[in-house]
Amino acid sequence: MTFARHPLQLALGFIVWSVWFIAAYGGLSLGCSVAPPAPQAGAHTWINGLLAVLTLATAAGLSWCAWACWRARDAQTPPQSQAASRFMAPTTAALHVAAAIATLFVGLPLVVMPPCA
């Protein structure tokens, strides 16, 4: 699993998080301008449901990447790259976990608060 030890993995989790952030808040703004839900519905709207699905899918994808990177630390590597592999795999796993937690933390208000208020 060489992708888990690639240096791009150090930034990939937060790149995915930033794309999710732009898509979530851009989608919220677009949804509120095109088809705003009734204010009486509270947080039980199609916009909140869609944002919940997007948030959970992104967090699940980031968690899977973290798991794959963590598992890659035990993979067979050539002796000359063992030190780099022992550093990269757990570090990238931790960064993916941090991005998944950030996704859930920022996504929680999107899901529980009424949109377009």
PDB file of N, CA and C in Angstrom:
ATOM      1  N   MET A   1       0.834  -1.185   0.000  1.00  0.00           N
ATOM      2  CA  MET A   1       0.000   0.000   0.000  1.00  0.00           C
ATOM      3  C   MET A   1       0.877   1.246   0.000  1.00  0.00           C
ATOM      4  N   THR A   2       1.403   1.570  -1.134  1.00  0.00           N
ATOM      5  CA  THR A   2       2.327   2.696  -1.209  1.00  0.00           C
ATOM      6  C   THR A   2       1.620   4.034  -1.148  1.00  0.00           C
ATOM      7  N   PHE A   3       0.318   4.094  -1.482  1.00  0.00           N
ATOM      8  CA  PHE A   3      -0.367   5.377  -1.429  1.00  0.00           C
ATOM      9  C   PHE A   3      -0.425   5.909  -0.005  1.00  0.00           C
ATOM     10  N   ALA A   4      -0.454   5.032   0.987  1.00  0.00           N
ATOM     11  CA  ALA A   4      -0.542   5.463   2.379  1.00  0.00           C
ATOM     12  C   ALA A   4       0.760   6.093   2.860  1.00  0.00           C
ATOM     13  N   ARG A   5       1.850   5.788   2.185  1.00  0.00           N
ATOM     14  CA  ARG A   5       3.137   6.351   2.587  1.00  0.00           C
ATOM     15  C   ARG A   5       3.583   7.483   1.678  1.00  0.00           C
ATOM     16  N   HIS A   6       2.715   7.916   0.800  1.00  0.00           N
ATOM     17  CA  HIS A   6       3.056   9.000  -0.124  1.00  0.00           C
ATOM     18  C   HIS A   6       2.982  10.343   0.605  1.00  0.00           C
ATOM     19  N   PRO A   7       3.913  11.260   0.366  1.00  0.00           N
ATOM     20  CA  PRO A   7       3.904  12.552   1.061  1.00  0.00           C
ATOM     21  C   PRO A   7       2.642  13.384   0.822  1.00  0.00           C
ATOM     22  N   LEU A   8       1.945  13.152  -0.283  1.00  0.00           N
ATOM     23  CA  LEU A   8       0.694  13.859  -0.540  1.00  0.00           C
ATOM     24  C   LEU A   8      -0.342  13.578   0.550  1.00  0.00           C
ATOM     25  N   GLN A   9      -0.240  12.418   1.181  1.00  0.00           N
ATOM     26  CA  GLN A   9      -1.194  12.059   2.233  1.00  0.00           C
ATOM     27  C   GLN A   9      -1.130  13.019   3.423  1.00  0.00           C
ATOM     28  N   LEU A  10      -0.005  13.688   3.610  1.00  0.00           N
ATOM     29  CA  LEU A  10       0.106  14.640   4.718  1.00  0.00           C
ATOM     30  C   LEU A  10      -0.888  15.784   4.581  1.00  0.00           C
ATOM     31  N   ALA A  11      -1.210  16.172   3.369  1.00  0.00           N
ATOM     32  CA  ALA A  11      -2.140  17.282   3.143  1.00  0.00           C
ATOM     33  C   ALA A  11      -3.499  16.830   2.626  1.00  0.00           C
ATOM     34  N   LEU A  12      -3.606  15.601   2.158  1.00  0.00           N
ATOM     35  CA  LEU A  12      -4.817  15.155   1.485  1.00  0.00           C
ATOM     36  C   LEU A  12      -6.057  15.217   2.372  1.00  0.00           C
ATOM     37  N   GLY A  13      -5.943  14.864   3.635  1.00  0.00           N
ATOM     38  CA  GLY A  13      -7.100  14.902   4.529  1.00  0.00           C
ATOM     39  C   GLY A  13      -7.673  16.303   4.652  1.00  0.00           C
ATOM     40  N   PHE A  14      -6.822  17.283   4.779  1.00  0.00           N
ATOM     41  CA  PHE A  14      -7.311  18.650   4.923  1.00  0.00           C
ATOM     42  C   PHE A  14      -7.693  19.274   3.582  1.00  0.00           C
ATOM     43  N   ILE A  15      -7.176  18.742   2.495  1.00  0.00           N
ATOM     44  CA  ILE A  15      -7.664  19.155   1.179  1.00  0.00           C
ATOM     45  C   ILE A  15      -9.091  18.659   1.000  1.00  0.00           C
ATOM     46  N   VAL A  16      -9.336  17.401   1.366  1.00  0.00           N
ATOM     47  CA  VAL A  16     -10.699  16.853   1.304  1.00  0.00           C
ATOM     48  C   VAL A  16     -11.617  17.645   2.225  1.00  0.00           C
ATOM     49  N   TRP A  17     -11.150  17.968   3.425  1.00  0.00           N
ATOM     50  CA  TRP A  17     -11.964  18.754   4.357  1.00  0.00           C
ATOM     51  C   TRP A  17     -12.307  20.116   3.765  1.00  0.00           C
ATOM     52  N   SER A  18     -11.358  20.774   3.136  1.00  0.00           N
ATOM     53  CA  SER A  18     -11.638  22.104   2.592  1.00  0.00           C
ATOM     54  C   SER A  18     -12.600  22.031   1.410  1.00  0.00           C
ATOM     55  N   VAL A  19     -12.506  20.999   0.590  1.00  0.00           N
ATOM     56  CA  VAL A  19     -13.475  20.818  -0.500  1.00  0.00           C
ATOM     57  C   VAL A  19     -14.863  20.556   0.078  1.00  0.00           C
ATOM     58  N   TRP A  20     -14.941  19.727   1.129  1.00  0.00           N
ATOM     59  CA  TRP A  20     -16.226  19.482   1.802  1.00  0.00           C
ATOM     60  C   TRP A  20     -16.773  20.789   2.366  1.00  0.00           C
ATOM     61  N   PHE A  21     -15.951  21.582   3.002  1.00  0.00           N
ATOM     62  CA  PHE A  21     -16.380  22.840   3.609  1.00  0.00           C
ATOM     63  C   PHE A  21     -16.983  23.773   2.566  1.00  0.00           C
ATOM     64  N   ILE A  22     -16.306  23.916   1.444  1.00  0.00           N
ATOM     65  CA  ILE A  22     -16.788  24.786   0.366  1.00  0.00           C
ATOM     66  C   ILE A  22     -18.086  24.232  -0.213  1.00  0.00           C
ATOM     67  N   ALA A  23     -18.145  22.917  -0.423  1.00  0.00           N
ATOM     68  CA  ALA A  23     -19.357  22.308  -0.978  1.00  0.00           C
ATOM     69  C   ALA A  23     -20.527  22.415  -0.011  1.00  0.00           C
ATOM     70  N   ALA A  24     -20.278  22.201   1.280  1.00  0.00           N
ATOM     71  CA  ALA A  24     -21.369  22.232   2.257  1.00  0.00           C
ATOM     72  C   ALA A  24     -21.934  23.640   2.408  1.00  0.00           C
ATOM     73  N   TYR A  25     -21.085  24.605   2.650  1.00  0.00           N
ATOM     74  CA  TYR A  25     -21.591  25.960   2.848  1.00  0.00           C
ATOM     75  C   TYR A  25     -22.048  26.601   1.541  1.00  0.00           C
ATOM     76  N   GLY A  26     -21.419  26.254   0.435  1.00  0.00           N
ATOM     77  CA  GLY A  26     -21.895  26.725  -0.861  1.00  0.00           C
ATOM     78  C   GLY A  26     -23.244  26.111  -1.203  1.00  0.00           C
ATOM     79  N   GLY A  27     -23.393  24.809  -0.927  1.00  0.00           N
ATOM     80  CA  GLY A  27     -24.676  24.146  -1.155  1.00  0.00           C
ATOM     81  C   GLY A  27     -25.769  24.683  -0.261  1.00  0.00           C
ATOM     82  N   LEU A  28     -25.421  24.997   0.978  1.00  0.00           N
ATOM     83  CA  LEU A  28     -26.399  25.589   1.897  1.00  0.00           C
ATOM     84  C   LEU A  28     -26.868  26.943   1.373  1.00  0.00           C
ATOM     85  N   SER A  29     -25.955  27.764   0.943  1.00  0.00           N
ATOM     86  CA  SER A  29     -26.311  29.079   0.404  1.00  0.00           C
ATOM     87  C   SER A  29     -27.126  28.956  -0.871  1.00  0.00           C
ATOM     88  N   LEU A  30     -26.720  28.051  -1.740  1.00  0.00           N
ATOM     89  CA  LEU A  30     -27.450  27.845  -2.987  1.00  0.00           C
ATOM     90  C   LEU A  30     -28.849  27.296  -2.730  1.00  0.00           C
ATOM     91  N   GLY A  31     -28.955  26.339  -1.822  1.00  0.00           N
ATOM     92  CA  GLY A  31     -30.264  25.783  -1.485  1.00  0.00           C
ATOM     93  C   GLY A  31     -31.189  26.811  -0.871  1.00  0.00           C
ATOM     94  N   CYS A  32     -30.650  27.686  -0.048  1.00  0.00           N
ATOM     95  CA  CYS A  32     -31.471  28.728   0.577  1.00  0.00           C
ATOM     96  C   CYS A  32     -31.899  29.790  -0.427  1.00  0.00           C
ATOM     97  N   SER A  33     -31.109  30.006  -1.451  1.00  0.00           N
ATOM     98  CA  SER A  33     -31.490  31.016  -2.438  1.00  0.00           C
ATOM     99  C   SER A  33     -32.442  30.460  -3.499  1.00  0.00           C
ATOM    100  N   VAL A  34     -32.329  29.183  -3.813  1.00  0.00           N
ATOM    101  CA  VAL A  34     -33.158  28.589  -4.859  1.00  0.00           C
ATOM    102  C   VAL A  34     -34.500  28.095  -4.315  1.00  0.00           C
ATOM    103  N   ALA A  35     -34.464  27.318  -3.256  1.00  0.00           N
ATOM    104  CA  ALA A  35     -35.692  26.723  -2.711  1.00  0.00           C
ATOM    105  C   ALA A  35     -35.639  26.720  -1.191  1.00  0.00           C
ATOM    106  N   PRO A  36     -35.841  27.879  -0.564  1.00  0.00           N
ATOM    107  CA  PRO A  36     -35.754  27.916   0.896  1.00  0.00           C
ATOM    108  C   PRO A  36     -36.907  27.144   1.540  1.00  0.00           C
ATOM    109  N   PRO A  37     -36.587  26.333   2.553  1.00  0.00           N
ATOM    110  CA  PRO A  37     -37.643  25.595   3.234  1.00  0.00           C
ATOM    111  C   PRO A  37     -38.440  26.516   4.162  1.00  0.00           C
ATOM    112  N   ALA A  38     -39.584  26.036   4.582  1.00  0.00           N
ATOM    113  CA  ALA A  38     -40.426  26.820   5.491  1.00  0.00           C
ATOM    114  C   ALA A  38     -39.729  26.966   6.837  1.00  0.00           C
ATOM    115  N   PRO A  39     -39.769  28.159   7.429  1.00  0.00           N
ATOM    116  CA  PRO A  39     -39.113  28.359   8.729  1.00  0.00           C
ATOM    117  C   PRO A  39     -39.715  27.499   9.841  1.00  0.00           C
ATOM    118  N   GLN A  40     -40.976  27.105   9.708  1.00  0.00           N
ATOM    119  CA  GLN A  40     -41.627  26.294  10.733  1.00  0.00           C
ATOM    120  C   GLN A  40     -41.057  24.875  10.797  1.00  0.00           C
ATOM    121  N   ALA A  41     -40.397  24.434   9.744  1.00  0.00           N
ATOM    122  CA  ALA A  41     -39.856  23.075   9.702  1.00  0.00           C
ATOM    123  C   ALA A  41     -38.665  22.904  10.637  1.00  0.00           C
ATOM    124  N   GLY A  42     -38.061  23.984  11.044  1.00  0.00           N
ATOM    125  CA  GLY A  42     -36.897  23.896  11.933  1.00  0.00           C
ATOM    126  C   GLY A  42     -35.715  23.252  11.227  1.00  0.00           C
ATOM    127  N   ALA A  43     -35.125  22.290  11.911  1.00  0.00           N
ATOM    128  CA  ALA A  43     -33.947  21.622  11.346  1.00  0.00           C
ATOM    129  C   ALA A  43     -34.310  20.389  10.533  1.00  0.00           C
ATOM    130  N   HIS A  44     -35.587  20.066  10.421  1.00  0.00           N
ATOM    131  CA  HIS A  44     -36.017  18.876   9.682  1.00  0.00           C
ATOM    132  C   HIS A  44     -36.366  19.249   8.248  1.00  0.00           C
ATOM    133  N   THR A  45     -35.344  19.591   7.475  1.00  0.00           N
ATOM    134  CA  THR A  45     -35.547  20.012   6.095  1.00  0.00           C
ATOM    135  C   THR A  45     -34.700  19.158   5.170  1.00  0.00           C
ATOM    136  N   TRP A  46     -34.975  19.271   3.883  1.00  0.00           N
ATOM    137  CA  TRP A  46     -34.206  18.520   2.903  1.00  0.00           C
ATOM    138  C   TRP A  46     -32.764  19.021   2.831  1.00  0.00           C
ATOM    139  N   ILE A  47     -32.572  20.302   3.111  1.00  0.00           N
ATOM    140  CA  ILE A  47     -31.207  20.846   3.082  1.00  0.00           C
ATOM    141  C   ILE A  47     -30.374  20.219   4.201  1.00  0.00           C
ATOM    142  N   ASN A  48     -30.939  20.156   5.403  1.00  0.00           N
ATOM    143  CA  ASN A  48     -30.206  19.557   6.522  1.00  0.00           C
ATOM    144  C   ASN A  48     -29.949  18.067   6.289  1.00  0.00           C
ATOM    145  N   GLY A  49     -30.917  17.380   5.696  1.00  0.00           N
ATOM    146  CA  GLY A  49     -30.718  15.963   5.401  1.00  0.00           C
ATOM    147  C   GLY A  49     -29.598  15.740   4.406  1.00  0.00           C
ATOM    148  N   LEU A  50     -29.579  16.555   3.366  1.00  0.00           N
ATOM    149  CA  LEU A  50     -28.527  16.452   2.363  1.00  0.00           C
ATOM    150  C   LEU A  50     -27.158  16.783   2.958  1.00  0.00           C
ATOM    151  N   LEU A  51     -27.105  17.809   3.798  1.00  0.00           N
ATOM    152  CA  LEU A  51     -25.839  18.167   4.442  1.00  0.00           C
ATOM    153  C   LEU A  51     -25.381  17.092   5.423  1.00  0.00           C
ATOM    154  N   ALA A  52     -26.335  16.436   6.084  1.00  0.00           N
ATOM    155  CA  ALA A  52     -25.976  15.343   6.998  1.00  0.00           C
ATOM    156  C   ALA A  52     -25.354  14.184   6.230  1.00  0.00           C
ATOM    157  N   VAL A  53     -25.954  13.842   5.097  1.00  0.00           N
ATOM    158  CA  VAL A  53     -25.413  12.756   4.276  1.00  0.00           C
ATOM    159  C   VAL A  53     -24.023  13.118   3.757  1.00  0.00           C
ATOM    160  N   LEU A  54     -23.850  14.344   3.277  1.00  0.00           N
ATOM    161  CA  LEU A  54     -22.550  14.787   2.775  1.00  0.00           C
ATOM    162  C   LEU A  54     -21.498  14.782   3.883  1.00  0.00           C
ATOM    163  N   THR A  55     -21.880  15.246   5.061  1.00  0.00           N
ATOM    164  CA  THR A  55     -20.947  15.286   6.190  1.00  0.00           C
ATOM    165  C   THR A  55     -20.544  13.892   6.627  1.00  0.00           C
ATOM    166  N   LEU A  56     -21.519  12.999   6.770  1.00  0.00           N
ATOM    167  CA  LEU A  56     -21.202  11.636   7.209  1.00  0.00           C
ATOM    168  C   LEU A  56     -20.398  10.872   6.165  1.00  0.00           C
ATOM    169  N   ALA A  57     -20.695  11.086   4.894  1.00  0.00           N
ATOM    170  CA  ALA A  57     -19.928  10.417   3.837  1.00  0.00           C
ATOM    171  C   ALA A  57     -18.476  10.902   3.813  1.00  0.00           C
ATOM    172  N   THR A  58     -18.288  12.185   3.986  1.00  0.00           N
ATOM    173  CA  THR A  58     -16.925  12.729   4.007  1.00  0.00           C
ATOM    174  C   THR A  58     -16.156  12.227   5.222  1.00  0.00           C
ATOM    175  N   ALA A  59     -16.794  12.250   6.385  1.00  0.00           N
ATOM    176  CA  ALA A  59     -16.130  11.760   7.599  1.00  0.00           C
ATOM    177  C   ALA A  59     -15.820  10.270   7.484  1.00  0.00           C
ATOM    178  N   ALA A  60     -16.723   9.504   6.884  1.00  0.00           N
ATOM    179  CA  ALA A  60     -16.472   8.071   6.700  1.00  0.00           C
ATOM    180  C   ALA A  60     -15.311   7.840   5.740  1.00  0.00           C
ATOM    181  N   GLY A  61     -15.249   8.611   4.665  1.00  0.00           N
ATOM    182  CA  GLY A  61     -14.132   8.486   3.726  1.00  0.00           C
ATOM    183  C   GLY A  61     -12.799   8.833   4.366  1.00  0.00           C
ATOM    184  N   LEU A  62     -12.788   9.891   5.151  1.00  0.00           N
ATOM    185  CA  LEU A  62     -11.555  10.275   5.844  1.00  0.00           C
ATOM    186  C   LEU A  62     -11.168   9.225   6.891  1.00  0.00           C
ATOM    187  N   SER A  63     -12.149   8.646   7.557  1.00  0.00           N
ATOM    188  CA  SER A  63     -11.867   7.596   8.542  1.00  0.00           C
ATOM    189  C   SER A  63     -11.306   6.353   7.864  1.00  0.00           C
ATOM    190  N   TRP A  64     -11.855   6.014   6.681  1.00  0.00           N
ATOM    191  CA  TRP A  64     -11.323   4.872   5.943  1.00  0.00           C
ATOM    192  C   TRP A  64      -9.873   5.133   5.541  1.00  0.00           C
ATOM    193  N   CYS A  65      -9.578   6.342   5.087  1.00  0.00           N
ATOM    194  CA  CYS A  65      -8.196   6.686   4.721  1.00  0.00           C
ATOM    195  C   CYS A  65      -7.271   6.583   5.930  1.00  0.00           C
ATOM    196  N   ALA A  66      -7.756   7.025   7.086  1.00  0.00           N
ATOM    197  CA  ALA A  66      -6.946   6.920   8.303  1.00  0.00           C
ATOM    198  C   ALA A  66      -6.673   5.455   8.640  1.00  0.00           C
ATOM    199  N   TRP A  67      -7.698   4.620   8.523  1.00  0.00           N
ATOM    200  CA  TRP A  67      -7.536   3.194   8.804  1.00  0.00           C
ATOM    201  C   TRP A  67      -6.538   2.566   7.829  1.00  0.00           C
ATOM    202  N   ALA A  68      -6.658   2.915   6.540  1.00  0.00           N
ATOM    203  CA  ALA A  68      -5.748   2.358   5.531  1.00  0.00           C
ATOM    204  C   ALA A  68      -4.316   2.812   5.785  1.00  0.00           C
ATOM    205  N   CYS A  69      -4.132   4.051   6.162  1.00  0.00           N
ATOM    206  CA  CYS A  69      -2.778   4.544   6.452  1.00  0.00           C
ATOM    207  C   CYS A  69      -2.219   3.871   7.701  1.00  0.00           C
ATOM    208  N   TRP A  70      -3.049   3.663   8.691  1.00  0.00           N
ATOM    209  CA  TRP A  70      -2.596   3.015   9.922  1.00  0.00           C
ATOM    210  C   TRP A  70      -2.179   1.573   9.637  1.00  0.00           C
ATOM    211  N   ARG A  71      -2.939   0.879   8.803  1.00  0.00           N
ATOM    212  CA  ARG A  71      -2.604  -0.495   8.453  1.00  0.00           C
ATOM    213  C   ARG A  71      -1.327  -0.564   7.618  1.00  0.00           C
ATOM    214  N   ALA A  72      -1.013   0.481   6.878  1.00  0.00           N
ATOM    215  CA  ALA A  72       0.161   0.476   6.011  1.00  0.00           C
ATOM    216  C   ALA A  72       1.461   0.540   6.796  1.00  0.00           C
ATOM    217  N   ARG A  73       1.397   0.881   8.066  1.00  0.00           N
ATOM    218  CA  ARG A  73       2.633   0.961   8.843  1.00  0.00           C
ATOM    219  C   ARG A  73       3.272  -0.404   9.022  1.00  0.00           C
ATOM    220  N   ASP A  74       2.469  -1.476   8.918  1.00  0.00           N
ATOM    221  CA  ASP A  74       2.984  -2.832   9.084  1.00  0.00           C
ATOM    222  C   ASP A  74       3.346  -3.503   7.763  1.00  0.00           C
ATOM    223  N   ALA A  75       3.125  -2.793   6.654  1.00  0.00           N
ATOM    224  CA  ALA A  75       3.386  -3.389   5.340  1.00  0.00           C
ATOM    225  C   ALA A  75       4.886  -3.588   5.137  1.00  0.00           C
ATOM    226  N   GLN A  76       5.200  -4.551   4.308  1.00  0.00           N
ATOM    227  CA  GLN A  76       6.600  -4.808   3.988  1.00  0.00           C
ATOM    228  C   GLN A  76       7.167  -3.656   3.184  1.00  0.00           C
ATOM    229  N   THR A  77       8.279  -3.139   3.614  1.00  0.00           N
ATOM    230  CA  THR A  77       8.944  -2.054   2.898  1.00  0.00           C
ATOM    231  C   THR A  77      10.414  -2.393   2.721  1.00  0.00           C
ATOM    232  N   PRO A  78      11.029  -1.846   1.693  1.00  0.00           N
ATOM    233  CA  PRO A  78      12.474  -2.042   1.545  1.00  0.00           C
ATOM    234  C   PRO A  78      13.209  -1.438   2.742  1.00  0.00           C
ATOM    235  N   PRO A  79      14.331  -2.006   3.123  1.00  0.00           N
ATOM    236  CA  PRO A  79      15.054  -1.512   4.311  1.00  0.00           C
ATOM    237  C   PRO A  79      15.421  -0.034   4.242  1.00  0.00           C
ATOM    238  N   GLN A  80      15.687   0.492   3.051  1.00  0.00           N
ATOM    239  CA  GLN A  80      16.101   1.885   2.952  1.00  0.00           C
ATOM    240  C   GLN A  80      14.949   2.846   3.215  1.00  0.00           C
ATOM    241  N   SER A  81      13.710   2.386   3.142  1.00  0.00           N
ATOM    242  CA  SER A  81      12.588   3.299   3.364  1.00  0.00           C
ATOM    243  C   SER A  81      11.785   2.956   4.613  1.00  0.00           C
ATOM    244  N   GLN A  82      12.310   2.115   5.484  1.00  0.00           N
ATOM    245  CA  GLN A  82      11.567   1.731   6.679  1.00  0.00           C
ATOM    246  C   GLN A  82      11.362   2.899   7.631  1.00  0.00           C
ATOM    247  N   ALA A  83      12.362   3.721   7.805  1.00  0.00           N
ATOM    248  CA  ALA A  83      12.218   4.856   8.723  1.00  0.00           C
ATOM    249  C   ALA A  83      11.165   5.827   8.217  1.00  0.00           C
ATOM    250  N   ALA A  84      11.186   6.111   6.938  1.00  0.00           N
ATOM    251  CA  ALA A  84      10.183   7.003   6.362  1.00  0.00           C
ATOM    252  C   ALA A  84       8.798   6.393   6.460  1.00  0.00           C
ATOM    253  N   SER A  85       8.693   5.098   6.255  1.00  0.00           N
ATOM    254  CA  SER A  85       7.406   4.421   6.333  1.00  0.00           C
ATOM    255  C   SER A  85       6.865   4.436   7.759  1.00  0.00           C
ATOM    256  N   ARG A  86       7.733   4.234   8.725  1.00  0.00           N
ATOM    257  CA  ARG A  86       7.295   4.254  10.129  1.00  0.00           C
ATOM    258  C   ARG A  86       6.837   5.643  10.547  1.00  0.00           C
ATOM    259  N   PHE A  87       7.346   6.685   9.905  1.00  0.00           N
ATOM    260  CA  PHE A  87       6.907   8.049  10.202  1.00  0.00           C
ATOM    261  C   PHE A  87       5.643   8.406   9.434  1.00  0.00           C
ATOM    262  N   MET A  88       5.630   8.141   8.129  1.00  0.00           N
ATOM    263  CA  MET A  88       4.547   8.609   7.271  1.00  0.00           C
ATOM    264  C   MET A  88       3.209   7.951   7.584  1.00  0.00           C
ATOM    265  N   ALA A  89       3.176   6.656   7.742  1.00  0.00           N
ATOM    266  CA  ALA A  89       1.898   5.963   7.902  1.00  0.00           C
ATOM    267  C   ALA A  89       1.141   6.423   9.157  1.00  0.00           C
ATOM    268  N   PRO A  90       1.736   6.414  10.346  1.00  0.00           N
ATOM    269  CA  PRO A  90       0.974   6.874  11.516  1.00  0.00           C
ATOM    270  C   PRO A  90       0.681   8.373  11.488  1.00  0.00           C
ATOM    271  N   THR A  91       1.591   9.154  10.925  1.00  0.00           N
ATOM    272  CA  THR A  91       1.364  10.601  10.864  1.00  0.00           C
ATOM    273  C   THR A  91       0.200  10.926   9.945  1.00  0.00           C
ATOM    274  N   THR A  92       0.179  10.300   8.775  1.00  0.00           N
ATOM    275  CA  THR A  92      -0.932  10.561   7.860  1.00  0.00           C
ATOM    276  C   THR A  92      -2.237  10.030   8.429  1.00  0.00           C
ATOM    277  N   ALA A  93      -2.193   8.915   9.144  1.00  0.00           N
ATOM    278  CA  ALA A  93      -3.410   8.405   9.784  1.00  0.00           C
ATOM    279  C   ALA A  93      -3.932   9.409  10.806  1.00  0.00           C
ATOM    280  N   ALA A  94      -3.053   9.976  11.598  1.00  0.00           N
ATOM    281  CA  ALA A  94      -3.476  10.961  12.595  1.00  0.00           C
ATOM    282  C   ALA A  94      -4.037  12.220  11.938  1.00  0.00           C
ATOM    283  N   LEU A  95      -3.450  12.643  10.835  1.00  0.00           N
ATOM    284  CA  LEU A  95      -3.958  13.821  10.144  1.00  0.00           C
ATOM    285  C   LEU A  95      -5.321  13.559   9.512  1.00  0.00           C
ATOM    286  N   HIS A  96      -5.532  12.356   9.005  1.00  0.00           N
ATOM    287  CA  HIS A  96      -6.853  12.008   8.468  1.00  0.00           C
ATOM    288  C   HIS A  96      -7.899  11.953   9.581  1.00  0.00           C
ATOM    289  N   VAL A  97      -7.522  11.444  10.733  1.00  0.00           N
ATOM    290  CA  VAL A  97      -8.451  11.435  11.878  1.00  0.00           C
ATOM    291  C   VAL A  97      -8.790  12.864  12.286  1.00  0.00           C
ATOM    292  N   ALA A  98      -7.792  13.732  12.318  1.00  0.00           N
ATOM    293  CA  ALA A  98      -8.049  15.138  12.667  1.00  0.00           C
ATOM    294  C   ALA A  98      -8.988  15.788  11.651  1.00  0.00           C
ATOM    295  N   ALA A  99      -8.821  15.488  10.379  1.00  0.00           N
ATOM    296  CA  ALA A  99      -9.712  16.042   9.358  1.00  0.00           C
ATOM    297  C   ALA A  99     -11.128  15.482   9.502  1.00  0.00           C
ATOM    298  N   ALA A 100     -11.258  14.195   9.851  1.00  0.00           N
ATOM    299  CA  ALA A 100     -12.584  13.606  10.058  1.00  0.00           C
ATOM    300  C   ALA A 100     -13.281  14.237  11.262  1.00  0.00           C
ATOM    301  N   ILE A 101     -12.536  14.456  12.335  1.00  0.00           N
ATOM    302  CA  ILE A 101     -13.114  15.104  13.518  1.00  0.00           C
ATOM    303  C   ILE A 101     -13.510  16.534  13.192  1.00  0.00           C
ATOM    304  N   ALA A 102     -12.686  17.239  12.441  1.00  0.00           N
ATOM    305  CA  ALA A 102     -13.025  18.612  12.040  1.00  0.00           C
ATOM    306  C   ALA A 102     -14.270  18.633  11.171  1.00  0.00           C
ATOM    307  N   THR A 103     -14.419  17.653  10.301  1.00  0.00           N
ATOM    308  CA  THR A 103     -15.615  17.564   9.463  1.00  0.00           C
ATOM    309  C   THR A 103     -16.858  17.389  10.324  1.00  0.00           C
ATOM    310  N   LEU A 104     -16.804  16.488  11.281  1.00  0.00           N
ATOM    311  CA  LEU A 104     -17.963  16.264  12.150  1.00  0.00           C
ATOM    312  C   LEU A 104     -18.235  17.474  13.041  1.00  0.00           C
ATOM    313  N   PHE A 105     -17.188  18.097  13.537  1.00  0.00           N
ATOM    314  CA  PHE A 105     -17.349  19.251  14.421  1.00  0.00           C
ATOM    315  C   PHE A 105     -17.973  20.431  13.688  1.00  0.00           C
ATOM    316  N   VAL A 106     -17.516  20.703  12.478  1.00  0.00           N
ATOM    317  CA  VAL A 106     -18.053  21.818  11.703  1.00  0.00           C
ATOM    318  C   VAL A 106     -19.406  21.449  11.098  1.00  0.00           C
ATOM    319  N   GLY A 107     -19.613  20.169  10.795  1.00  0.00           N
ATOM    320  CA  GLY A 107     -20.873  19.738  10.199  1.00  0.00           C
ATOM    321  C   GLY A 107     -22.023  19.650  11.169  1.00  0.00           C
ATOM    322  N   LEU A 108     -21.755  19.534  12.452  1.00  0.00           N
ATOM    323  CA  LEU A 108     -22.833  19.415  13.436  1.00  0.00           C
ATOM    324  C   LEU A 108     -23.786  20.607  13.427  1.00  0.00           C
ATOM    325  N   PRO A 109     -23.312  21.856  13.428  1.00  0.00           N
ATOM    326  CA  PRO A 109     -24.258  22.973  13.352  1.00  0.00           C
ATOM    327  C   PRO A 109     -25.044  23.002  12.048  1.00  0.00           C
ATOM    328  N   LEU A 110     -24.452  22.523  10.962  1.00  0.00           N
ATOM    329  CA  LEU A 110     -25.171  22.484   9.693  1.00  0.00           C
ATOM    330  C   LEU A 110     -26.371  21.552   9.772  1.00  0.00           C
ATOM    331  N   VAL A 111     -26.276  20.519  10.573  1.00  0.00           N
ATOM    332  CA  VAL A 111     -27.315  19.511  10.637  1.00  0.00           C
ATOM    333  C   VAL A 111     -28.382  19.839  11.682  1.00  0.00           C
ATOM    334  N   VAL A 112     -28.003  20.419  12.800  1.00  0.00           N
ATOM    335  CA  VAL A 112     -28.959  20.585  13.896  1.00  0.00           C
ATOM    336  C   VAL A 112     -29.616  21.971  13.943  1.00  0.00           C
ATOM    337  N   MET A 113     -29.074  22.928  13.217  1.00  0.00           N
ATOM    338  CA  MET A 113     -29.679  24.265  13.227  1.00  0.00           C
ATOM    339  C   MET A 113     -30.554  24.447  11.997  1.00  0.00           C
ATOM    340  N   PRO A 114     -31.623  25.238  12.116  1.00  0.00           N
ATOM    341  CA  PRO A 114     -32.454  25.476  10.946  1.00  0.00           C
ATOM    342  C   PRO A 114     -31.701  26.260   9.879  1.00  0.00           C
ATOM    343  N   PRO A 115     -31.809  25.826   8.627  1.00  0.00           N
ATOM    344  CA  PRO A 115     -31.110  26.550   7.564  1.00  0.00           C
ATOM    345  C   PRO A 115     -31.867  27.815   7.207  1.00  0.00           C
ATOM    346  N   CYS A 116     -31.207  28.691   6.532  1.00  0.00           N
ATOM    347  CA  CYS A 116     -31.822  29.881   5.948  1.00  0.00           C
ATOM    348  C   CYS A 116     -32.434  30.812   6.997  1.00  0.00           C
ATOM    349  N   ALA A 117     -31.993  30.740   8.222  1.00  0.00           N
ATOM    350  CA  ALA A 117     -32.570  31.600   9.267  1.00  0.00           C
ATOM    351  C   ALA A 117     -31.827  32.911   9.376  1.00  0.00           C
TER     352      ALA A 117
END
